[in-house]
């Protein structure tokens, strides 16, 4: 029974400040495809984090 519960749980997500630059790029690409742009609050926060890591 415990094995069944482990199989159905979704993988944990990382906090935004723990993402690497490559992971941020992947998330931004996903936002562009699924949301049709980068105007959402999540996408703007990703862009800000990317800028902070690049500088």
Protein backbone atom coordinates (compact mmCIF):
# COMPACT_ATOMS: atom_id res chain seq x y z
CA UNK A 1 0.00 0.00 0.00
CA UNK A 2 2.84 2.41 0.74
CA UNK A 3 4.35 1.61 -2.66
CA UNK A 4 1.17 2.71 -4.43
CA UNK A 5 1.22 6.08 -2.72
CA UNK A 6 4.82 6.73 -3.73
CA UNK A 7 4.06 5.99 -7.38
CA UNK A 8 1.16 8.43 -7.57
CA UNK A 9 2.90 11.42 -5.98
CA UNK A 10 4.20 14.08 -8.29
CA UNK A 11 7.84 15.14 -8.18
CA UNK A 12 8.53 18.08 -5.92
CA UNK A 13 9.17 21.40 -7.56
CA UNK A 14 12.21 23.52 -6.86
CA UNK A 15 12.01 26.99 -5.45
CA UNK A 16 12.79 29.68 -7.95
CA UNK A 17 15.94 30.82 -6.14
CA UNK A 18 17.32 27.26 -6.32
CA UNK A 19 16.98 26.95 -10.11
CA UNK A 20 20.06 27.03 -12.29
CA UNK A 21 20.31 29.24 -15.35
CA UNK A 22 19.61 26.28 -17.65
CA UNK A 23 16.52 25.31 -15.64
CA UNK A 24 15.26 28.90 -15.80
CA UNK A 25 15.68 28.88 -19.58
CA UNK A 26 13.68 25.64 -19.78
CA UNK A 27 10.90 27.12 -17.63
CA UNK A 28 10.80 30.26 -19.78
CA UNK A 29 10.52 28.16 -22.93
CA UNK A 30 7.66 26.22 -21.36
CA UNK A 31 5.93 29.48 -20.40
CA UNK A 32 6.19 30.76 -23.97
CA UNK A 33 4.65 27.57 -25.36
CA UNK A 34 1.88 27.02 -22.82
CA UNK A 35 0.95 30.59 -21.92
CA UNK A 36 1.69 32.23 -25.24
CA UNK A 37 4.15 34.77 -23.90
CA UNK A 38 6.05 36.08 -20.93
CA UNK A 39 3.50 38.41 -19.40
CA UNK A 40 2.50 36.24 -16.45
CA UNK A 41 3.81 37.02 -12.98
CA UNK A 42 5.70 33.71 -12.92
CA UNK A 43 7.43 34.46 -16.22
CA UNK A 44 8.38 37.96 -15.08
CA UNK A 45 9.86 36.53 -11.87
CA UNK A 46 11.83 34.00 -13.92
CA UNK A 47 13.18 36.80 -16.11
CA UNK A 48 14.21 38.80 -13.05
CA UNK A 49 15.98 35.75 -11.59
CA UNK A 50 17.73 35.13 -14.91
CA UNK A 51 18.94 38.73 -14.98
CA UNK A 52 20.23 38.43 -11.41
CA UNK A 53 22.14 35.25 -12.23
CA UNK A 54 23.58 36.68 -15.44
CA UNK A 55 24.92 39.82 -13.80
